[in-house]
Amino acid sequence: MADDPKPQSEIGRFDPKARAAMKQALREKDREDLRLGRATAAEIHKRNLFLGQLDMSKAEILHYGPHSGPTAKTGGKK
């Protein structure tokens, strides 16, 4: 059944050392991409943003928390 919990062996465990190694490898890849001209600094920055991979040309952020409303950049009105 889809709602059955996963067996203990399938549940991921957070390993801070493995995470740190993975992040360092990604930093090194970014440096190499920049050095070899495979990506610009702006492209690397964008792909490293939390939502950087989304195509925002078709999106409008209307609400992102208390006291928020449409952003001026999107042209919406509060």
Protein backbone atom coordinates (compact mmCIF):
# COMPACT_ATOMS: atom_id res chain seq x y z
CA MET A 1 0.00 0.00 0.00
CA ALA A 2 1.29 3.51 -0.83
CA ASP A 3 0.71 4.81 2.71
CA ASP A 4 2.76 2.08 4.39
CA PRO A 5 5.84 3.47 6.15
CA LYS A 6 9.19 2.66 4.60
CA PRO A 7 11.27 -0.04 6.24
CA GLN A 8 14.03 1.30 8.50
CA SER A 9 16.65 0.27 5.92
CA GLU A 10 15.11 2.62 3.28
CA ILE A 11 14.89 5.72 5.48
CA GLY A 12 17.67 8.16 4.70
CA ARG A 13 19.92 9.36 7.47
CA PHE A 14 21.52 12.79 7.46
CA ASP A 15 25.27 12.48 7.37
CA PRO A 16 26.86 15.92 7.89
CA LYS A 17 30.26 14.75 6.63
CA ALA A 18 28.77 13.34 3.44
CA ARG A 19 26.73 16.54 2.93
CA ALA A 20 29.82 18.72 3.43
CA ALA A 21 31.77 16.59 0.93
CA MET A 22 28.94 16.83 -1.60
CA LYS A 23 28.74 20.63 -1.22
CA GLN A 24 32.53 20.94 -1.62
CA ALA A 25 32.40 18.83 -4.79
CA LEU A 26 29.66 21.11 -6.17
CA ARG A 27 31.77 24.21 -5.35
CA GLU A 28 34.72 22.68 -7.18
CA LYS A 29 32.50 21.90 -10.19
CA ASP A 30 31.29 25.52 -10.20
CA ARG A 31 34.89 26.80 -10.15
CA GLU A 32 35.85 24.45 -12.98
CA ASP A 33 32.80 25.45 -15.06
CA LEU A 34 33.73 29.11 -14.59
CA ARG A 35 37.41 28.53 -15.36
CA LEU A 36 36.66 26.60 -18.55
CA GLY A 37 33.95 29.00 -19.71
CA ARG A 38 31.18 26.41 -19.50
CA ALA A 39 29.15 28.85 -17.38
CA THR A 40 29.27 32.51 -16.42
CA ALA A 41 29.32 33.69 -12.82
CA ALA A 42 25.70 34.85 -13.25
CA GLU A 43 24.65 31.42 -14.55
CA ILE A 44 26.36 29.67 -11.65
CA HIS A 45 24.74 32.05 -9.20
CA LYS A 46 21.31 31.44 -10.70
CA ARG A 47 21.61 27.64 -10.67
CA ASN A 48 22.71 27.74 -7.03
CA LEU A 49 19.69 29.77 -5.90
CA PHE A 50 16.95 27.88 -4.07
CA LEU A 51 14.44 28.39 -6.89
CA GLY A 52 16.98 29.33 -9.53
CA GLN A 53 16.03 26.57 -11.94
CA LEU A 54 12.41 27.70 -12.27
CA ASP A 55 11.29 29.58 -15.36
CA MET A 56 9.98 32.73 -13.70
CA SER A 57 8.95 34.33 -17.02
CA LYS A 58 5.54 32.70 -16.65
CA ALA A 59 5.21 33.12 -12.89
CA GLU A 60 4.08 35.85 -10.56
CA ILE A 61 4.68 35.71 -6.84
CA LEU A 62 1.47 36.94 -5.26
CA HIS A 63 1.93 36.06 -1.60
CA TYR A 64 4.96 34.89 0.33
CA GLY A 65 4.10 35.58 3.95
CA PRO A 66 2.42 37.93 6.40
CA HIS A 67 2.12 41.54 5.20
CA SER A 68 3.10 40.56 1.69
CA GLY A 69 1.37 41.14 -1.55
CA PRO A 70 2.23 41.28 -5.24
CA THR A 71 5.73 42.52 -5.82
CA ALA A 72 6.30 45.78 -7.66
CA LYS A 73 8.51 43.93 -10.14
CA THR A 74 5.61 41.75 -11.29
CA GLY A 75 3.38 44.75 -11.83
CA GLY A 76 0.69 43.46 -9.51
CA LYS A 77 -1.31 45.71 -7.22
CA LYS A 78 -1.88 45.22 -3.52
